[in-house]
All heavy atoms as atom14 arrays in JSON, in Angstrom:
{
  "sequence": "NGEFGSTLNETRRINSYLTNPEREGINTYPDVV",
  "atom14_mask": [
    [1, 1, 1, 1, 1, 1, 1, 1, 0, 0, 0, 0, 0, 0],
    [1, 1, 1, 1, 0, 0, 0, 0, 0, 0, 0, 0, 0, 0],
    [1, 1, 1, 1, 1, 1, 1, 1, 1, 0, 0, 0, 0, 0],
    [1, 1, 1, 1, 1, 1, 1, 1, 1, 1, 1, 0, 0, 0],
    [1, 1, 1, 1, 0, 0, 0, 0, 0, 0, 0, 0, 0, 0],
    [1, 1, 1, 1, 1, 1, 0, 0, 0, 0, 0, 0, 0, 0],
    [1, 1, 1, 1, 1, 1, 1, 0, 0, 0, 0, 0, 0, 0],
    [1, 1, 1, 1, 1, 1, 1, 1, 0, 0, 0, 0, 0, 0],
    [1, 1, 1, 1, 1, 1, 1, 1, 0, 0, 0, 0, 0, 0],
    [1, 1, 1, 1, 1, 1, 1, 1, 1, 0, 0, 0, 0, 0],
    [1, 1, 1, 1, 1, 1, 1, 0, 0, 0, 0, 0, 0, 0],
    [1, 1, 1, 1, 1, 1, 1, 1, 1, 1, 1, 0, 0, 0],
    [1, 1, 1, 1, 1, 1, 1, 1, 1, 1, 1, 0, 0, 0],
    [1, 1, 1, 1, 1, 1, 1, 1, 0, 0, 0, 0, 0, 0],
    [1, 1, 1, 1, 1, 1, 1, 1, 0, 0, 0, 0, 0, 0],
    [1, 1, 1, 1, 1, 1, 0, 0, 0, 0, 0, 0, 0, 0],
    [1, 1, 1, 1, 1, 1, 1, 1, 1, 1, 1, 1, 0, 0],
    [1, 1, 1, 1, 1, 1, 1, 1, 0, 0, 0, 0, 0, 0],
    [1, 1, 1, 1, 1, 1, 1, 0, 0, 0, 0, 0, 0, 0],
    [1, 1, 1, 1, 1, 1, 1, 1, 0, 0, 0, 0, 0, 0],
    [1, 1, 1, 1, 1, 1, 1, 0, 0, 0, 0, 0, 0, 0],
    [1, 1, 1, 1, 1, 1, 1, 1, 1, 0, 0, 0, 0, 0],
    [1, 1, 1, 1, 1, 1, 1, 1, 1, 1, 1, 0, 0, 0],
    [1, 1, 1, 1, 1, 1, 1, 1, 1, 0, 0, 0, 0, 0],
    [1, 1, 1, 1, 0, 0, 0, 0, 0, 0, 0, 0, 0, 0],
    [1, 1, 1, 1, 1, 1, 1, 1, 0, 0, 0, 0, 0, 0],
    [1, 1, 1, 1, 1, 1, 1, 1, 0, 0, 0, 0, 0, 0],
    [1, 1, 1, 1, 1, 1, 1, 0, 0, 0, 0, 0, 0, 0],
    [1, 1, 1, 1, 1, 1, 1, 1, 1, 1, 1, 1, 0, 0],
    [1, 1, 1, 1, 1, 1, 1, 0, 0, 0, 0, 0, 0, 0],
    [1, 1, 1, 1, 1, 1, 1, 1, 0, 0, 0, 0, 0, 0],
    [1, 1, 1, 1, 1, 1, 1, 0, 0, 0, 0, 0, 0, 0],
    [1, 1, 1, 1, 1, 1, 1, 0, 0, 0, 0, 0, 0, 0]
  ],
  "atom14_positions": [
    [[18.6, 108.03, 27.7], [18.27, 107.8, 29.11], [16.78, 107.54, 29.33], [16.18, 108.0, 30.31], [18.73, 108.98, 29.97], [20.23, 109.19, 29.93], [20.99, 108.22, 30.06], [20.67, 110.41, 29.71], [0.0, 0.0, 0.0], [0.0, 0.0, 0.0], [0.0, 0.0, 0.0], [0.0, 0.0, 0.0], [0.0, 0.0, 0.0], [0.0, 0.0, 0.0]],
    [[16.2, 106.79, 28.41], [14.79, 106.42, 28.56], [13.83, 107.55, 28.27], [12.77, 107.65, 28.9], [0.0, 0.0, 0.0], [0.0, 0.0, 0.0], [0.0, 0.0, 0.0], [0.0, 0.0, 0.0], [0.0, 0.0, 0.0], [0.0, 0.0, 0.0], [0.0, 0.0, 0.0], [0.0, 0.0, 0.0], [0.0, 0.0, 0.0], [0.0, 0.0, 0.0]],
    [[14.13, 108.37, 27.28], [13.27, 109.51, 26.95], [11.83, 109.08, 26.68], [10.89, 109.76, 27.09], [13.83, 110.26, 25.74], [12.96, 111.42, 25.28], [13.53, 112.16, 24.09], [14.7, 111.89, 23.7], [12.81, 113.03, 23.54], [0.0, 0.0, 0.0], [0.0, 0.0, 0.0], [0.0, 0.0, 0.0], [0.0, 0.0, 0.0], [0.0, 0.0, 0.0]],
    [[11.65, 107.97, 26.01], [10.3, 107.56, 25.64], [9.8, 106.35, 26.44], [8.62, 106.24, 26.71], [10.24, 107.25, 24.14], [10.54, 108.46, 23.3], [11.57, 108.44, 22.37], [9.81, 109.63, 23.44], [11.86, 109.55, 21.59], [10.08, 110.75, 22.68], [11.11, 110.71, 21.75], [0.0, 0.0, 0.0], [0.0, 0.0, 0.0], [0.0, 0.0, 0.0]],
    [[10.67, 105.45, 26.8], [10.27, 104.34, 27.65], [9.52, 103.25, 26.92], [8.94, 103.45, 25.85], [0.0, 0.0, 0.0], [0.0, 0.0, 0.0], [0.0, 0.0, 0.0], [0.0, 0.0, 0.0], [0.0, 0.0, 0.0], [0.0, 0.0, 0.0], [0.0, 0.0, 0.0], [0.0, 0.0, 0.0], [0.0, 0.0, 0.0], [0.0, 0.0, 0.0]],
    [[9.53, 102.05, 27.53], [8.83, 100.89, 26.98], [8.2, 100.1, 28.11], [8.78, 99.96, 29.19], [9.8, 99.99, 26.21], [9.18, 98.78, 25.84], [0.0, 0.0, 0.0], [0.0, 0.0, 0.0], [0.0, 0.0, 0.0], [0.0, 0.0, 0.0], [0.0, 0.0, 0.0], [0.0, 0.0, 0.0], [0.0, 0.0, 0.0], [0.0, 0.0, 0.0]],
    [[7.0, 99.59, 27.87], [6.29, 98.82, 28.89], [6.11, 97.36, 28.48], [5.28, 96.66, 29.02], [4.9, 99.44, 29.16], [4.15, 99.48, 27.94], [5.04, 100.84, 29.73], [0.0, 0.0, 0.0], [0.0, 0.0, 0.0], [0.0, 0.0, 0.0], [0.0, 0.0, 0.0], [0.0, 0.0, 0.0], [0.0, 0.0, 0.0], [0.0, 0.0, 0.0]],
    [[6.89, 96.9, 27.5], [6.73, 95.52, 27.03], [6.96, 94.52, 28.15], [6.36, 93.43, 28.16], [7.69, 95.25, 25.87], [7.51, 93.92, 25.15], [6.18, 93.88, 24.41], [8.67, 93.66, 24.19], [0.0, 0.0, 0.0], [0.0, 0.0, 0.0], [0.0, 0.0, 0.0], [0.0, 0.0, 0.0], [0.0, 0.0, 0.0], [0.0, 0.0, 0.0]],
    [[7.83, 94.87, 29.11], [8.09, 93.96, 30.23], [6.91, 93.89, 31.21], [6.9, 93.02, 32.08], [9.35, 94.38, 30.97], [9.27, 95.79, 31.51], [8.73, 96.68, 30.86], [9.8, 96.01, 32.7], [0.0, 0.0, 0.0], [0.0, 0.0, 0.0], [0.0, 0.0, 0.0], [0.0, 0.0, 0.0], [0.0, 0.0, 0.0], [0.0, 0.0, 0.0]],
    [[5.95, 94.77, 31.08], [4.72, 94.67, 31.88], [3.78, 93.73, 31.14], [2.82, 94.14, 30.48], [4.12, 96.06, 32.09], [5.05, 96.99, 32.87], [4.53, 98.41, 32.96], [3.36, 98.66, 32.57], [5.29, 99.29, 33.41], [0.0, 0.0, 0.0], [0.0, 0.0, 0.0], [0.0, 0.0, 0.0], [0.0, 0.0, 0.0], [0.0, 0.0, 0.0]],
    [[4.08, 92.46, 31.27], [3.52, 91.45, 30.37], [1.99, 91.34, 30.44], [1.36, 90.96, 29.46], [4.13, 90.08, 30.67], [3.8, 89.69, 32.01], [5.65, 90.12, 30.53], [0.0, 0.0, 0.0], [0.0, 0.0, 0.0], [0.0, 0.0, 0.0], [0.0, 0.0, 0.0], [0.0, 0.0, 0.0], [0.0, 0.0, 0.0], [0.0, 0.0, 0.0]],
    [[1.41, 91.67, 31.58], [-0.03, 91.47, 31.72], [-0.85, 92.52, 30.99], [-2.08, 92.44, 30.97], [-0.41, 91.41, 33.21], [0.27, 90.25, 33.92], [-0.25, 89.99, 35.31], [0.55, 88.96, 35.98], [0.24, 88.4, 37.13], [-0.85, 88.79, 37.79], [1.02, 87.47, 37.66], [0.0, 0.0, 0.0], [0.0, 0.0, 0.0], [0.0, 0.0, 0.0]],
    [[-0.17, 93.46, 30.35], [-0.88, 94.43, 29.53], [-1.59, 93.77, 28.34], [-2.52, 94.35, 27.78], [0.09, 95.5, 29.02], [0.5, 96.51, 30.09], [1.5, 97.51, 29.51], [1.85, 98.54, 30.48], [1.23, 99.72, 30.6], [0.22, 100.0, 29.79], [1.61, 100.6, 31.49], [0.0, 0.0, 0.0], [0.0, 0.0, 0.0], [0.0, 0.0, 0.0]],
    [[-1.12, 92.58, 27.92], [-1.77, 91.94, 26.78], [-2.82, 90.92, 27.21], [-3.35, 90.19, 26.37], [-0.74, 91.27, 25.84], [-0.11, 90.03, 26.48], [0.32, 92.26, 25.4], [0.64, 89.17, 25.48], [0.0, 0.0, 0.0], [0.0, 0.0, 0.0], [0.0, 0.0, 0.0], [0.0, 0.0, 0.0], [0.0, 0.0, 0.0], [0.0, 0.0, 0.0]],
    [[-3.14, 90.87, 28.5], [-4.1, 89.87, 28.97], [-5.49, 90.04, 28.37], [-6.24, 89.08, 28.22], [-4.19, 89.88, 30.49], [-3.05, 89.11, 31.14], [-2.14, 88.66, 30.46], [-3.09, 88.97, 32.46], [0.0, 0.0, 0.0], [0.0, 0.0, 0.0], [0.0, 0.0, 0.0], [0.0, 0.0, 0.0], [0.0, 0.0, 0.0], [0.0, 0.0, 0.0]],
    [[-5.84, 91.28, 28.03], [-7.16, 91.47, 27.41], [-7.25, 90.73, 26.09], [-8.31, 90.2, 25.73], [-7.44, 92.96, 27.22], [-6.46, 93.54, 26.37], [0.0, 0.0, 0.0], [0.0, 0.0, 0.0], [0.0, 0.0, 0.0], [0.0, 0.0, 0.0], [0.0, 0.0, 0.0], [0.0, 0.0, 0.0], [0.0, 0.0, 0.0], [0.0, 0.0, 0.0]],
    [[-6.13, 90.69, 25.36], [-6.12, 89.9, 24.12], [-6.09, 88.41, 24.42], [-6.81, 87.63, 23.79], [-4.92, 90.26, 23.24], [-4.82, 89.34, 22.04], [-5.68, 89.51, 20.96], [-3.9, 88.3, 21.99], [-5.63, 88.65, 19.87], [-3.83, 87.45, 20.91], [-4.7, 87.62, 19.84], [-4.65, 86.77, 18.77], [0.0, 0.0, 0.0], [0.0, 0.0, 0.0]],
    [[-5.28, 88.02, 25.38], [-5.14, 86.6, 25.69], [-6.44, 85.97, 26.18], [-6.61, 84.76, 26.08], [-4.04, 86.4, 26.74], [-2.63, 86.85, 26.34], [-1.66, 86.64, 27.49], [-2.16, 86.12, 25.09], [0.0, 0.0, 0.0], [0.0, 0.0, 0.0], [0.0, 0.0, 0.0], [0.0, 0.0, 0.0], [0.0, 0.0, 0.0], [0.0, 0.0, 0.0]],
    [[-7.32, 86.77, 26.71], [-8.6, 86.25, 27.19], [-9.75, 86.54, 26.23], [-10.91, 86.26, 26.55], [-8.93, 86.84, 28.58], [-8.9, 88.27, 28.51], [-7.91, 86.37, 29.62], [0.0, 0.0, 0.0], [0.0, 0.0, 0.0], [0.0, 0.0, 0.0], [0.0, 0.0, 0.0], [0.0, 0.0, 0.0], [0.0, 0.0, 0.0], [0.0, 0.0, 0.0]],
    [[-9.43, 87.09, 25.07], [-10.45, 87.37, 24.07], [-10.84, 86.07, 23.38], [-9.99, 85.37, 22.84], [-9.9, 88.37, 23.04], [-10.95, 88.83, 22.05], [-11.92, 88.13, 21.77], [-10.75, 90.0, 21.49], [0.0, 0.0, 0.0], [0.0, 0.0, 0.0], [0.0, 0.0, 0.0], [0.0, 0.0, 0.0], [0.0, 0.0, 0.0], [0.0, 0.0, 0.0]],
    [[-12.13, 85.73, 23.36], [-12.54, 84.48, 22.71], [-12.16, 84.41, 21.23], [-12.06, 83.31, 20.67], [-14.07, 84.47, 22.89], [-14.33, 85.38, 24.04], [-13.26, 86.42, 23.98], [0.0, 0.0, 0.0], [0.0, 0.0, 0.0], [0.0, 0.0, 0.0], [0.0, 0.0, 0.0], [0.0, 0.0, 0.0], [0.0, 0.0, 0.0], [0.0, 0.0, 0.0]],
    [[-11.95, 85.56, 20.6], [-11.62, 85.58, 19.17], [-10.12, 85.68, 18.92], [-9.68, 85.93, 17.8], [-12.34, 86.73, 18.49], [-13.87, 86.59, 18.52], [-14.56, 87.67, 17.71], [-13.87, 88.51, 17.11], [-15.8, 87.65, 17.68], [0.0, 0.0, 0.0], [0.0, 0.0, 0.0], [0.0, 0.0, 0.0], [0.0, 0.0, 0.0], [0.0, 0.0, 0.0]],
    [[-9.31, 85.45, 19.96], [-7.87, 85.49, 19.78], [-7.42, 84.35, 18.86], [-8.09, 83.33, 18.74], [-7.16, 85.39, 21.13], [-7.3, 84.02, 21.81], [-6.72, 84.05, 23.2], [-6.76, 82.76, 23.87], [-7.81, 82.29, 24.53], [-8.93, 83.01, 24.61], [-7.74, 81.11, 25.12], [0.0, 0.0, 0.0], [0.0, 0.0, 0.0], [0.0, 0.0, 0.0]],
    [[-6.27, 84.56, 18.24], [-5.68, 83.54, 17.38], [-4.23, 83.32, 17.82], [-3.63, 84.15, 18.48], [-5.73, 83.98, 15.92], [-7.16, 84.11, 15.38], [-7.21, 84.75, 14.0], [-7.23, 86.0, 13.94], [-7.23, 84.01, 13.01], [0.0, 0.0, 0.0], [0.0, 0.0, 0.0], [0.0, 0.0, 0.0], [0.0, 0.0, 0.0], [0.0, 0.0, 0.0]],
    [[-3.68, 82.18, 17.44], [-2.35, 81.81, 17.88], [-1.24, 82.44, 17.05], [-1.45, 82.86, 15.91], [0.0, 0.0, 0.0], [0.0, 0.0, 0.0], [0.0, 0.0, 0.0], [0.0, 0.0, 0.0], [0.0, 0.0, 0.0], [0.0, 0.0, 0.0], [0.0, 0.0, 0.0], [0.0, 0.0, 0.0], [0.0, 0.0, 0.0], [0.0, 0.0, 0.0]],
    [[-0.05, 82.47, 17.63], [1.13, 83.03, 16.97], [1.4, 82.32, 15.65], [1.85, 82.93, 14.68], [2.35, 82.92, 17.9], [2.22, 83.89, 19.08], [3.65, 83.17, 17.15], [3.31, 83.73, 20.13], [0.0, 0.0, 0.0], [0.0, 0.0, 0.0], [0.0, 0.0, 0.0], [0.0, 0.0, 0.0], [0.0, 0.0, 0.0], [0.0, 0.0, 0.0]],
    [[1.14, 81.02, 15.6], [1.47, 80.24, 14.42], [0.48, 80.4, 13.28], [0.62, 79.76, 12.24], [1.6, 78.77, 14.78], [0.31, 78.19, 15.35], [-0.36, 78.84, 16.15], [-0.04, 76.99, 14.94], [0.0, 0.0, 0.0], [0.0, 0.0, 0.0], [0.0, 0.0, 0.0], [0.0, 0.0, 0.0], [0.0, 0.0, 0.0], [0.0, 0.0, 0.0]],
    [[-0.53, 81.26, 13.43], [-1.47, 81.51, 12.34], [-0.78, 82.33, 11.25], [-0.16, 83.35, 11.53], [-2.7, 82.29, 12.85], [-3.21, 81.65, 14.02], [-3.78, 82.34, 11.79], [0.0, 0.0, 0.0], [0.0, 0.0, 0.0], [0.0, 0.0, 0.0], [0.0, 0.0, 0.0], [0.0, 0.0, 0.0], [0.0, 0.0, 0.0], [0.0, 0.0, 0.0]],
    [[-0.88, 81.88, 10.01], [-0.24, 82.59, 8.91], [-0.79, 84.01, 8.79], [-1.98, 84.25, 9.02], [-0.46, 81.85, 7.6], [0.36, 80.59, 7.42], [0.18, 79.77, 6.31], [1.32, 80.21, 8.35], [0.91, 78.6, 6.13], [2.06, 79.05, 8.19], [1.85, 78.25, 7.08], [2.59, 77.11, 6.91], [0.0, 0.0, 0.0], [0.0, 0.0, 0.0]],
    [[0.04, 84.99, 8.4], [-0.4, 86.39, 8.38], [-1.55, 86.67, 7.42], [-2.37, 87.55, 7.68], [0.86, 87.16, 7.99], [1.73, 86.14, 7.31], [1.46, 84.85, 8.01], [0.0, 0.0, 0.0], [0.0, 0.0, 0.0], [0.0, 0.0, 0.0], [0.0, 0.0, 0.0], [0.0, 0.0, 0.0], [0.0, 0.0, 0.0], [0.0, 0.0, 0.0]],
    [[-1.62, 85.94, 6.32], [-2.71, 86.16, 5.39], [-3.99, 85.45, 5.82], [-5.04, 85.64, 5.21], [-2.31, 85.7, 3.98], [-1.31, 86.64, 3.34], [-1.51, 87.86, 3.45], [-0.33, 86.16, 2.74], [0.0, 0.0, 0.0], [0.0, 0.0, 0.0], [0.0, 0.0, 0.0], [0.0, 0.0, 0.0], [0.0, 0.0, 0.0], [0.0, 0.0, 0.0]],
    [[-3.9, 84.63, 6.87], [-5.06, 83.92, 7.4], [-5.62, 84.64, 8.62], [-6.83, 84.73, 8.81], [-4.68, 82.47, 7.77], [-5.86, 81.75, 8.43], [-4.23, 81.7, 6.53], [0.0, 0.0, 0.0], [0.0, 0.0, 0.0], [0.0, 0.0, 0.0], [0.0, 0.0, 0.0], [0.0, 0.0, 0.0], [0.0, 0.0, 0.0], [0.0, 0.0, 0.0]],
    [[-4.74, 85.19, 9.44], [-5.16, 85.79, 10.7], [-6.06, 87.01, 10.46], [-5.91, 87.72, 9.46], [-3.92, 86.2, 11.53], [-3.23, 87.41, 10.93], [-4.28, 86.46, 12.98], [0.0, 0.0, 0.0], [0.0, 0.0, 0.0], [0.0, 0.0, 0.0], [0.0, 0.0, 0.0], [0.0, 0.0, 0.0], [0.0, 0.0, 0.0], [0.0, 0.0, 0.0]]
  ]
}
């Protein structure tokens, strides 16, 4: 019954990363990122 909960649907929580000048794209290979 939601003992721990999830906030992934609060999408703007990742905006600090999305506006970071050093952000990288999803398609960047894991050994490169």
